[in-house]
Each structure stands twice: as structure tokens, then as C-alpha cells.
Full PDB file with SEQRES, HELIX, SHEET, SSBOND, CRYST1, ORIGX, SCALE, CONECT and MASTER records, all heavy atoms in Angstrom:
SEQRES   1 A   40  THR LEU VAL ASP VAL VAL GLY VAL VAL ALA GLY LEU LYS          
SEQRES   2 A   40  ARG LEU GLY ILE GLU ARG VAL TYR SER SER ALA VAL PRO          
SEQRES   3 A   40  ALA GLY ALA GLY MET VAL ARG SER GLU HIS GLY VAL LEU          
SEQRES   4 A   40  PRO                                                          
HELIX    1 AA1 LEU A    2  ARG A   14  1                                  13    
SHEET    1 AA1 2 VAL A  32  SER A  34  0                                        
SHEET    2 AA1 2 GLY A  37  LEU A  39 -1                                        
CRYST1    1.000    1.000    1.000  90.00  90.00  90.00 P 1           1          
ORIGX1      1.000000  0.000000  0.000000        0.00000                         
ORIGX2      0.000000  1.000000  0.000000        0.00000                         
ORIGX3      0.000000  0.000000  1.000000        0.00000                         
SCALE1      1.000000  0.000000  0.000000        0.00000                         
SCALE2      0.000000  1.000000  0.000000        0.00000                         
SCALE3      0.000000  0.000000  1.000000        0.00000                         
ATOM      1  N   THR A   1      -1.326 -10.651  -0.011  1.00  0.00           N  
ATOM      2  CA  THR A   1      -1.260  -9.588   0.993  1.00  0.00           C  
ATOM      3  C   THR A   1      -0.053  -9.775   1.904  1.00  0.00           C  
ATOM      4  O   THR A   1       0.672  -8.822   2.212  1.00  0.00           O  
ATOM      5  CB  THR A   1      -2.551  -9.552   1.824  1.00  0.00           C  
ATOM      6  OG1 THR A   1      -3.669  -9.396   0.955  1.00  0.00           O  
ATOM      7  CG2 THR A   1      -2.523  -8.407   2.819  1.00  0.00           C  
ATOM      8  N   LEU A   2       0.192 -10.992   2.333  1.00  0.00           N  
ATOM      9  CA  LEU A   2       1.339 -11.281   3.189  1.00  0.00           C  
ATOM     10  C   LEU A   2       2.649 -10.997   2.468  1.00  0.00           C  
ATOM     11  O   LEU A   2       3.581 -10.423   3.044  1.00  0.00           O  
ATOM     12  CB  LEU A   2       1.283 -12.742   3.642  1.00  0.00           C  
ATOM     13  CG  LEU A   2       2.331 -13.196   4.661  1.00  0.00           C  
ATOM     14  CD1 LEU A   2       2.186 -12.444   5.974  1.00  0.00           C  
ATOM     15  CD2 LEU A   2       2.213 -14.700   4.897  1.00  0.00           C  
ATOM     16  N   VAL A   3       2.724 -11.398   1.206  1.00  0.00           N  
ATOM     17  CA  VAL A   3       3.928 -11.160   0.402  1.00  0.00           C  
ATOM     18  C   VAL A   3       4.189  -9.665   0.255  1.00  0.00           C  
ATOM     19  O   VAL A   3       5.328  -9.198   0.404  1.00  0.00           O  
ATOM     20  CB  VAL A   3       3.783 -11.830  -0.977  1.00  0.00           C  
ATOM     21  CG1 VAL A   3       4.879 -11.358  -1.934  1.00  0.00           C  
ATOM     22  CG2 VAL A   3       3.833 -13.349  -0.838  1.00  0.00           C  
ATOM     23  N   ASP A   4       3.145  -8.898  -0.035  1.00  0.00           N  
ATOM     24  CA  ASP A   4       3.315  -7.456  -0.206  1.00  0.00           C  
ATOM     25  C   ASP A   4       3.830  -6.802   1.067  1.00  0.00           C  
ATOM     26  O   ASP A   4       4.794  -6.027   1.044  1.00  0.00           O  
ATOM     27  CB  ASP A   4       1.982  -6.813  -0.604  1.00  0.00           C  
ATOM     28  CG  ASP A   4       1.599  -7.087  -2.044  1.00  0.00           C  
ATOM     29  OD1 ASP A   4       2.468  -7.513  -2.824  1.00  0.00           O  
ATOM     30  OD2 ASP A   4       0.419  -6.870  -2.388  1.00  0.00           O  
ATOM     31  N   VAL A   5       3.173  -7.096   2.178  1.00  0.00           N  
ATOM     32  CA  VAL A   5       3.523  -6.422   3.432  1.00  0.00           C  
ATOM     33  C   VAL A   5       4.933  -6.788   3.887  1.00  0.00           C  
ATOM     34  O   VAL A   5       5.777  -5.914   4.122  1.00  0.00           O  
ATOM     35  CB  VAL A   5       2.492  -6.768   4.532  1.00  0.00           C  
ATOM     36  CG1 VAL A   5       2.964  -6.225   5.887  1.00  0.00           C  
ATOM     37  CG2 VAL A   5       1.127  -6.204   4.181  1.00  0.00           C  
ATOM     38  N   VAL A   6       5.213  -8.073   3.996  1.00  0.00           N  
ATOM     39  CA  VAL A   6       6.530  -8.495   4.473  1.00  0.00           C  
ATOM     40  C   VAL A   6       7.609  -8.150   3.450  1.00  0.00           C  
ATOM     41  O   VAL A   6       8.720  -7.748   3.815  1.00  0.00           O  
ATOM     42  CB  VAL A   6       6.531 -10.006   4.792  1.00  0.00           C  
ATOM     43  CG1 VAL A   6       7.934 -10.470   5.193  1.00  0.00           C  
ATOM     44  CG2 VAL A   6       5.543 -10.311   5.908  1.00  0.00           C  
ATOM     45  N   GLY A   7       7.286  -8.280   2.165  1.00  0.00           N  
ATOM     46  CA  GLY A   7       8.256  -7.950   1.123  1.00  0.00           C  
ATOM     47  C   GLY A   7       8.701  -6.503   1.179  1.00  0.00           C  
ATOM     48  O   GLY A   7       9.898  -6.195   1.061  1.00  0.00           O  
ATOM     49  N   VAL A   8       7.754  -5.577   1.373  1.00  0.00           N  
ATOM     50  CA  VAL A   8       8.110  -4.152   1.431  1.00  0.00           C  
ATOM     51  C   VAL A   8       8.901  -3.841   2.703  1.00  0.00           C  
ATOM     52  O   VAL A   8       9.939  -3.175   2.656  1.00  0.00           O  
ATOM     53  CB  VAL A   8       6.842  -3.276   1.357  1.00  0.00           C  
ATOM     54  CG1 VAL A   8       7.198  -1.806   1.614  1.00  0.00           C  
ATOM     55  CG2 VAL A   8       6.177  -3.413  -0.004  1.00  0.00           C  
ATOM     56  N   VAL A   9       8.421  -4.326   3.851  1.00  0.00           N  
ATOM     57  CA  VAL A   9       9.107  -4.039   5.112  1.00  0.00           C  
ATOM     58  C   VAL A   9      10.527  -4.603   5.102  1.00  0.00           C  
ATOM     59  O   VAL A   9      11.500  -3.910   5.436  1.00  0.00           O  
ATOM     60  CB  VAL A   9       8.319  -4.613   6.302  1.00  0.00           C  
ATOM     61  CG1 VAL A   9       9.110  -4.450   7.598  1.00  0.00           C  
ATOM     62  CG2 VAL A   9       6.961  -3.924   6.428  1.00  0.00           C  
ATOM     63  N   ALA A  10      10.662  -5.867   4.705  1.00  0.00           N  
ATOM     64  CA  ALA A  10      11.988  -6.498   4.676  1.00  0.00           C  
ATOM     65  C   ALA A  10      12.859  -5.895   3.580  1.00  0.00           C  
ATOM     66  O   ALA A  10      14.083  -5.775   3.742  1.00  0.00           O  
ATOM     67  CB  ALA A  10      11.846  -8.002   4.476  1.00  0.00           C  
ATOM     68  N   GLY A  11      12.247  -5.522   2.455  1.00  0.00           N  
ATOM     69  CA  GLY A  11      13.007  -4.916   1.366  1.00  0.00           C  
ATOM     70  C   GLY A  11      13.616  -3.587   1.761  1.00  0.00           C  
ATOM     71  O   GLY A  11      14.776  -3.291   1.427  1.00  0.00           O  
ATOM     72  N   LEU A  12      12.862  -2.759   2.460  1.00  0.00           N  
ATOM     73  CA  LEU A  12      13.404  -1.487   2.946  1.00  0.00           C  
ATOM     74  C   LEU A  12      14.565  -1.729   3.904  1.00  0.00           C  
ATOM     75  O   LEU A  12      15.563  -1.004   3.902  1.00  0.00           O  
ATOM     76  CB  LEU A  12      12.307  -0.682   3.631  1.00  0.00           C  
ATOM     77  CG  LEU A  12      11.232  -0.086   2.705  1.00  0.00           C  
ATOM     78  CD1 LEU A  12      10.054   0.417   3.524  1.00  0.00           C  
ATOM     79  CD2 LEU A  12      11.805   1.041   1.856  1.00  0.00           C  
ATOM     80  N   LYS A  13      14.423  -2.767   4.739  1.00  0.00           N  
ATOM     81  CA  LYS A  13      15.503  -3.116   5.666  1.00  0.00           C  
ATOM     82  C   LYS A  13      16.751  -3.537   4.901  1.00  0.00           C  
ATOM     83  O   LYS A  13      17.870  -3.145   5.246  1.00  0.00           O  
ATOM     84  CB  LYS A  13      15.026  -4.251   6.574  1.00  0.00           C  
ATOM     85  CG  LYS A  13      16.011  -4.651   7.662  1.00  0.00           C  
ATOM     86  CD  LYS A  13      16.033  -3.636   8.783  1.00  0.00           C  
ATOM     87  CE  LYS A  13      16.877  -4.128   9.953  1.00  0.00           C  
ATOM     88  NZ  LYS A  13      16.913  -3.153  11.063  1.00  0.00           N  
ATOM     89  N   ARG A  14      16.581  -4.326   3.846  1.00  0.00           N  
ATOM     90  CA  ARG A  14      17.716  -4.768   3.030  1.00  0.00           C  
ATOM     91  C   ARG A  14      18.429  -3.586   2.373  1.00  0.00           C  
ATOM     92  O   ARG A  14      19.646  -3.627   2.146  1.00  0.00           O  
ATOM     93  CB  ARG A  14      17.237  -5.729   1.946  1.00  0.00           C  
ATOM     94  CG  ARG A  14      16.922  -7.127   2.445  1.00  0.00           C  
ATOM     95  CD  ARG A  14      18.023  -8.089   2.045  1.00  0.00           C  
ATOM     96  NE  ARG A  14      17.746  -9.452   2.445  1.00  0.00           N  
ATOM     97  CZ  ARG A  14      18.456 -10.488   2.033  1.00  0.00           C  
ATOM     98  NH1 ARG A  14      19.484 -10.316   1.197  1.00  0.00           N  
ATOM     99  NH2 ARG A  14      18.173 -11.711   2.442  1.00  0.00           N  
ATOM    100  N   LEU A  15      17.678  -2.543   2.051  1.00  0.00           N  
ATOM    101  CA  LEU A  15      18.268  -1.355   1.431  1.00  0.00           C  
ATOM    102  C   LEU A  15      18.925  -0.431   2.449  1.00  0.00           C  
ATOM    103  O   LEU A  15      19.480   0.604   2.090  1.00  0.00           O  
ATOM    104  CB  LEU A  15      17.200  -0.583   0.654  1.00  0.00           C  
ATOM    105  CG  LEU A  15      16.713  -1.232  -0.649  1.00  0.00           C  
ATOM    106  CD1 LEU A  15      15.488  -0.489  -1.176  1.00  0.00           C  
ATOM    107  CD2 LEU A  15      17.811  -1.253  -1.699  1.00  0.00           C  
ATOM    108  N   GLY A  16      18.842  -0.801   3.711  1.00  0.00           N  
ATOM    109  CA  GLY A  16      19.467   0.004   4.756  1.00  0.00           C  
ATOM    110  C   GLY A  16      18.690   1.253   5.112  1.00  0.00           C  
ATOM    111  O   GLY A  16      19.262   2.223   5.639  1.00  0.00           O  
ATOM    112  N   ILE A  17      17.379   1.246   4.858  1.00  0.00           N  
ATOM    113  CA  ILE A  17      16.554   2.422   5.111  1.00  0.00           C  
ATOM    114  C   ILE A  17      16.238   2.540   6.599  1.00  0.00           C  
ATOM    115  O   ILE A  17      15.737   1.601   7.225  1.00  0.00           O  
ATOM    116  CB  ILE A  17      15.249   2.364   4.290  1.00  0.00           C  
ATOM    117  CG1 ILE A  17      15.572   2.298   2.797  1.00  0.00           C  
ATOM    118  CG2 ILE A  17      14.354   3.550   4.610  1.00  0.00           C  
ATOM    119  CD1 ILE A  17      16.407   3.450   2.278  1.00  0.00           C  
ATOM    120  N   GLU A  18      16.517   3.717   7.163  1.00  0.00           N  
ATOM    121  CA  GLU A  18      16.244   3.964   8.578  1.00  0.00           C  
ATOM    122  C   GLU A  18      14.959   4.743   8.798  1.00  0.00           C  
ATOM    123  O   GLU A  18      14.315   4.615   9.838  1.00  0.00           O  
ATOM    124  CB  GLU A  18      17.412   4.738   9.195  1.00  0.00           C  
ATOM    125  CG  GLU A  18      18.742   4.010   9.125  1.00  0.00           C  
ATOM    126  CD  GLU A  18      19.896   4.891   9.562  1.00  0.00           C  
ATOM    127  OE1 GLU A  18      20.138   4.962  10.789  1.00  0.00           O  
ATOM    128  OE2 GLU A  18      20.524   5.533   8.700  1.00  0.00           O  
ATOM    129  N   ARG A  19      14.593   5.606   7.843  1.00  0.00           N  
ATOM    130  CA  ARG A  19      13.362   6.383   7.947  1.00  0.00           C  
ATOM    131  C   ARG A  19      12.640   6.369   6.610  1.00  0.00           C  
ATOM    132  O   ARG A  19      13.269   6.392   5.557  1.00  0.00           O  
ATOM    133  CB  ARG A  19      13.660   7.841   8.334  1.00  0.00           C  
ATOM    134  CG  ARG A  19      14.201   8.024   9.730  1.00  0.00           C  
ATOM    135  CD  ARG A  19      13.195   7.668  10.814  1.00  0.00           C  
ATOM    136  NE  ARG A  19      11.962   8.436  10.714  1.00  0.00           N  
ATOM    137  CZ  ARG A  19      11.786   9.634  11.273  1.00  0.00           C  
ATOM    138  NH1 ARG A  19      12.764  10.192  11.971  1.00  0.00           N  
ATOM    139  NH2 ARG A  19      10.635  10.259  11.165  1.00  0.00           N  
ATOM    140  N   VAL A  20      11.300   6.372   6.673  1.00  0.00           N  
ATOM    141  CA  VAL A  20      10.478   6.373   5.465  1.00  0.00           C  
ATOM    142  C   VAL A  20       9.576   7.597   5.491  1.00  0.00           C  
ATOM    143  O   VAL A  20       8.961   7.913   6.525  1.00  0.00           O  
ATOM    144  CB  VAL A  20       9.615   5.097   5.365  1.00  0.00           C  
ATOM    145  CG1 VAL A  20       8.745   5.127   4.104  1.00  0.00           C  
ATOM    146  CG2 VAL A  20      10.506   3.857   5.365  1.00  0.00           C  
ATOM    147  N   TYR A  21       9.504   8.286   4.362  1.00  0.00           N  
ATOM    148  CA  TYR A  21       8.627   9.443   4.208  1.00  0.00           C  
ATOM    149  C   TYR A  21       7.722   9.200   2.999  1.00  0.00           C  
ATOM    150  O   TYR A  21       8.023   8.382   2.131  1.00  0.00           O  
ATOM    151  CB  TYR A  21       9.450  10.722   4.004  1.00  0.00           C  
ATOM    152  CG  TYR A  21      10.345  11.045   5.176  1.00  0.00           C  
ATOM    153  CD1 TYR A  21      11.621  10.492   5.263  1.00  0.00           C  
ATOM    154  CD2 TYR A  21       9.910  11.882   6.196  1.00  0.00           C  
ATOM    155  CE1 TYR A  21      12.443  10.774   6.351  1.00  0.00           C  
ATOM    156  CE2 TYR A  21      10.730  12.170   7.285  1.00  0.00           C  
ATOM    157  CZ  TYR A  21      11.990  11.616   7.354  1.00  0.00           C  
ATOM    158  OH  TYR A  21      12.785  11.890   8.429  1.00  0.00           O  
ATOM    159  N   SER A  22       6.622   9.932   2.956  1.00  0.00           N  
ATOM    160  CA  SER A  22       5.687   9.741   1.849  1.00  0.00           C  
ATOM    161  C   SER A  22       4.966  11.039   1.538  1.00  0.00           C  
ATOM    162  O   SER A  22       4.765  11.891   2.421  1.00  0.00           O  
ATOM    163  CB  SER A  22       4.659   8.653   2.191  1.00  0.00           C  
ATOM    164  OG  SER A  22       3.704   8.507   1.152  1.00  0.00           O  
ATOM    165  N   SER A  23       4.548  11.168   0.272  1.00  0.00           N  
ATOM    166  CA  SER A  23       3.657  12.241  -0.116  1.00  0.00           C  
ATOM    167  C   SER A  23       2.245  11.916   0.359  1.00  0.00           C  
ATOM    168  O   SER A  23       1.988  10.836   0.892  1.00  0.00           O  
ATOM    169  CB  SER A  23       3.674  12.407  -1.641  1.00  0.00           C  
ATOM    170  OG  SER A  23       3.080  11.270  -2.258  1.00  0.00           O  
ATOM    171  N   ALA A  24       1.320  12.839   0.143  1.00  0.00           N  
ATOM    172  CA  ALA A  24      -0.081  12.576   0.466  1.00  0.00           C  
ATOM    173  C   ALA A  24      -0.597  11.422  -0.388  1.00  0.00           C  
ATOM    174  O   ALA A  24      -0.110  11.179  -1.499  1.00  0.00           O  
ATOM    175  CB  ALA A  24      -0.912  13.833   0.227  1.00  0.00           C  
ATOM    176  N   VAL A  25      -1.569  10.707   0.128  1.00  0.00           N  
ATOM    177  CA  VAL A  25      -2.125   9.540  -0.560  1.00  0.00           C  
ATOM    178  C   VAL A  25      -3.252   9.986  -1.495  1.00  0.00           C  
ATOM    179  O   VAL A  25      -4.202  10.641  -1.052  1.00  0.00           O  
ATOM    180  CB  VAL A  25      -2.665   8.517   0.459  1.00  0.00           C  
ATOM    181  CG1 VAL A  25      -3.329   7.341  -0.256  1.00  0.00           C  
ATOM    182  CG2 VAL A  25      -1.543   8.024   1.364  1.00  0.00           C  
ATOM    183  N   PRO A  26      -3.172   9.660  -2.801  1.00  0.00           N  
ATOM    184  CA  PRO A  26      -4.248  10.035  -3.719  1.00  0.00           C  
ATOM    185  C   PRO A  26      -5.552   9.319  -3.365  1.00  0.00           C  
ATOM    186  O   PRO A  26      -5.564   8.110  -3.136  1.00  0.00           O  
ATOM    187  CB  PRO A  26      -3.726   9.565  -5.086  1.00  0.00           C  
ATOM    188  CG  PRO A  26      -2.249   9.416  -4.917  1.00  0.00           C  
ATOM    189  CD  PRO A  26      -2.055   9.006  -3.493  1.00  0.00           C  
ATOM    190  N   ALA A  27      -6.636  10.079  -3.326  1.00  0.00           N  
ATOM    191  CA  ALA A  27      -7.920   9.503  -2.952  1.00  0.00           C  
ATOM    192  C   ALA A  27      -8.531   8.673  -4.075  1.00  0.00           C  
ATOM    193  O   ALA A  27      -9.264   7.717  -3.809  1.00  0.00           O  
ATOM    194  CB  ALA A  27      -8.892  10.615  -2.553  1.00  0.00           C  
ATOM    195  N   GLY A  28      -8.236   9.014  -5.336  1.00  0.00           N  
ATOM    196  CA  GLY A  28      -8.922   8.361  -6.440  1.00  0.00           C  
ATOM    197  C   GLY A  28     -10.334   8.919  -6.562  1.00  0.00           C  
ATOM    198  O   GLY A  28     -10.715   9.869  -5.872  1.00  0.00           O  
ATOM    199  N   ALA A  29     -11.127   8.320  -7.433  1.00  0.00           N  
ATOM    200  CA  ALA A  29     -12.486   8.810  -7.646  1.00  0.00           C  
ATOM    201  C   ALA A  29     -13.336   7.734  -8.301  1.00  0.00           C  
ATOM    202  O   ALA A  29     -12.811   6.819  -8.939  1.00  0.00           O  
ATOM    203  CB  ALA A  29     -12.466  10.068  -8.531  1.00  0.00           C  
ATOM    204  N   GLY A  30     -14.640   7.834  -8.116  1.00  0.00           N  
ATOM    205  CA  GLY A  30     -15.558   6.914  -8.767  1.00  0.00           C  
ATOM    206  C   GLY A  30     -15.977   5.772  -7.867  1.00  0.00           C  
ATOM    207  O   GLY A  30     -16.100   5.929  -6.648  1.00  0.00           O  
ATOM    208  N   MET A  31     -16.179   4.605  -8.473  1.00  0.00           N  
ATOM    209  CA  MET A  31     -16.644   3.424  -7.767  1.00  0.00           C  
ATOM    210  C   MET A  31     -15.749   2.239  -8.098  1.00  0.00           C  
ATOM    211  O   MET A  31     -15.070   2.229  -9.132  1.00  0.00           O  
ATOM    212  CB  MET A  31     -18.096   3.085  -8.160  1.00  0.00           C  
ATOM    213  CG  MET A  31     -19.091   4.195  -7.895  1.00  0.00           C  
ATOM    214  SD  MET A  31     -19.406   4.407  -6.130  1.00  0.00           S  
ATOM    215  CE  MET A  31     -20.337   5.964  -6.166  1.00  0.00           C  
ATOM    216  N   VAL A  32     -15.748   1.233  -7.222  1.00  0.00           N  
ATOM    217  CA  VAL A  32     -14.992   0.014  -7.466  1.00  0.00           C  
ATOM    218  C   VAL A  32     -15.863  -1.176  -7.087  1.00  0.00           C  
ATOM    219  O   VAL A  32     -16.614  -1.119  -6.110  1.00  0.00           O  
ATOM    220  CB  VAL A  32     -13.670   0.002  -6.661  1.00  0.00           C  
ATOM    221  CG1 VAL A  32     -13.930   0.034  -5.160  1.00  0.00           C  
ATOM    222  CG2 VAL A  32     -12.822  -1.212  -7.021  1.00  0.00           C  
ATOM    223  N   ARG A  33     -15.803  -2.248  -7.881  1.00  0.00           N  
ATOM    224  CA  ARG A  33     -16.580  -3.440  -7.584  1.00  0.00           C  
ATOM    225  C   ARG A  33     -15.748  -4.376  -6.711  1.00  0.00           C  
ATOM    226  O   ARG A  33     -14.596  -4.649  -7.004  1.00  0.00           O  
ATOM    227  CB  ARG A  33     -16.984  -4.143  -8.884  1.00  0.00           C  
ATOM    228  CG  ARG A  33     -17.952  -5.323  -8.666  1.00  0.00           C  
ATOM    229  CD  ARG A  33     -18.461  -5.856  -9.995  1.00  0.00           C  
ATOM    230  NE  ARG A  33     -19.216  -4.857 -10.717  1.00  0.00           N  
ATOM    231  CZ  ARG A  33     -20.491  -4.571 -10.475  1.00  0.00           C  
ATOM    232  NH1 ARG A  33     -21.139  -5.200  -9.509  1.00  0.00           N  
ATOM    233  NH2 ARG A  33     -21.116  -3.651 -11.171  1.00  0.00           N  
ATOM    234  N   SER A  34     -16.335  -4.865  -5.630  1.00  0.00           N  
ATOM    235  CA  SER A  34     -15.648  -5.754  -4.705  1.00  0.00           C  
ATOM    236  C   SER A  34     -16.552  -6.929  -4.381  1.00  0.00           C  
ATOM    237  O   SER A  34     -17.704  -7.003  -4.827  1.00  0.00           O  
ATOM    238  CB  SER A  34     -15.288  -5.001  -3.418  1.00  0.00           C  
ATOM    239  OG  SER A  34     -16.440  -4.830  -2.612  1.00  0.00           O  
ATOM    240  N   GLU A  35     -16.037  -7.846  -3.549  1.00  0.00           N  
ATOM    241  CA  GLU A  35     -16.853  -8.981  -3.126  1.00  0.00           C  
ATOM    242  C   GLU A  35     -17.984  -8.552  -2.199  1.00  0.00           C  
ATOM    243  O   GLU A  35     -18.923  -9.301  -1.964  1.00  0.00           O  
ATOM    244  CB  GLU A  35     -15.970 -10.038  -2.448  1.00  0.00           C  
ATOM    245  CG  GLU A  35     -15.001 -10.703  -3.411  1.00  0.00           C  
ATOM    246  CD  GLU A  35     -14.260 -11.859  -2.773  1.00  0.00           C  
ATOM    247  OE1 GLU A  35     -14.616 -12.230  -1.640  1.00  0.00           O  
ATOM    248  OE2 GLU A  35     -13.342 -12.385  -3.406  1.00  0.00           O  
ATOM    249  N   HIS A  36     -17.878  -7.338  -1.651  1.00  0.00           N  
ATOM    250  CA  HIS A  36     -18.957  -6.804  -0.826  1.00  0.00           C  
ATOM    251  C   HIS A  36     -20.017  -6.101  -1.680  1.00  0.00           C  
ATOM    252  O   HIS A  36     -21.057  -5.704  -1.164  1.00  0.00           O  
ATOM    253  CB  HIS A  36     -18.403  -5.800   0.187  1.00  0.00           C  
ATOM    254  CG  HIS A  36     -17.444  -6.400   1.166  1.00  0.00           C  
ATOM    255  ND1 HIS A  36     -17.829  -7.251   2.181  1.00  0.00           N  
ATOM    256  CD2 HIS A  36     -16.095  -6.281   1.279  1.00  0.00           C  
ATOM    257  CE1 HIS A  36     -16.768  -7.615   2.891  1.00  0.00           C  
ATOM    258  NE2 HIS A  36     -15.711  -7.043   2.357  1.00  0.00           N  
ATOM    259  N   GLY A  37     -19.733  -5.920  -2.976  1.00  0.00           N  
ATOM    260  CA  GLY A  37     -20.605  -5.153  -3.848  1.00  0.00           C  
ATOM    261  C   GLY A  37     -19.870  -3.927  -4.373  1.00  0.00           C  
ATOM    262  O   GLY A  37     -18.644  -3.821  -4.266  1.00  0.00           O  
ATOM    263  N   VAL A  38     -20.599  -2.982  -4.921  1.00  0.00           N  
ATOM    264  CA  VAL A  38     -20.005  -1.749  -5.446  1.00  0.00           C  
ATOM    265  C   VAL A  38     -19.714  -0.809  -4.284  1.00  0.00           C  
ATOM    266  O   VAL A  38     -20.587  -0.531  -3.446  1.00  0.00           O  
ATOM    267  CB  VAL A  38     -20.943  -1.079  -6.460  1.00  0.00           C  
ATOM    268  CG1 VAL A  38     -20.348   0.238  -6.939  1.00  0.00           C  
ATOM    269  CG2 VAL A  38     -21.188  -2.011  -7.639  1.00  0.00           C  
ATOM    270  N   LEU A  39     -18.475  -0.316  -4.224  1.00  0.00           N  
ATOM    271  CA  LEU A  39     -18.047   0.563  -3.142  1.00  0.00           C  
ATOM    272  C   LEU A  39     -17.570   1.899  -3.696  1.00  0.00           C  
ATOM    273  O   LEU A  39     -17.043   1.963  -4.815  1.00  0.00           O  
ATOM    274  CB  LEU A  39     -16.900  -0.076  -2.356  1.00  0.00           C  
ATOM    275  CG  LEU A  39     -17.183  -1.395  -1.638  1.00  0.00           C  
ATOM    276  CD1 LEU A  39     -15.892  -1.956  -1.046  1.00  0.00           C  
ATOM    277  CD2 LEU A  39     -18.228  -1.194  -0.556  1.00  0.00           C  
ATOM    278  N   PRO A  40     -17.698   2.966  -2.914  1.00  0.00           N  
ATOM    279  CA  PRO A  40     -17.139   4.251  -3.334  1.00  0.00           C  
ATOM    280  C   PRO A  40     -15.623   4.228  -3.208  1.00  0.00           C  
ATOM    281  O   PRO A  40     -15.056   3.450  -2.443  1.00  0.00           O  
ATOM    282  CB  PRO A  40     -17.763   5.247  -2.353  1.00  0.00           C  
ATOM    283  CG  PRO A  40     -17.994   4.433  -1.109  1.00  0.00           C  
ATOM    284  CD  PRO A  40     -18.380   3.055  -1.604  1.00  0.00           C  
TER     285      PRO A  40                                                      
MASTER        0    0    0    1    2    0    0    6  284    1    0    4          
END                                                                             
């Protein structure tokens, strides 16, 4: 998790990115199994 977060933030900085934009986030569907149990 630490590698992902810092890697993306620092990587964008290395690319000289000043602003970030994004499309809508896909919700997905169904269920997923986690350490807390089955989650929606």
C-alpha cells in the first residue's frame, strides 16, 4: 500500500504533472471475499 501510494504521487511529480484529471470510477459488481468476510 505504501509503495503504491508514494510511487504514484512521486511518479506523477517525476513526469512533471501539475494537474490530474480522471473519469468516473467504475463501481464493479457482485461480491468479494476479504479478511472481514464476504463483502459487496
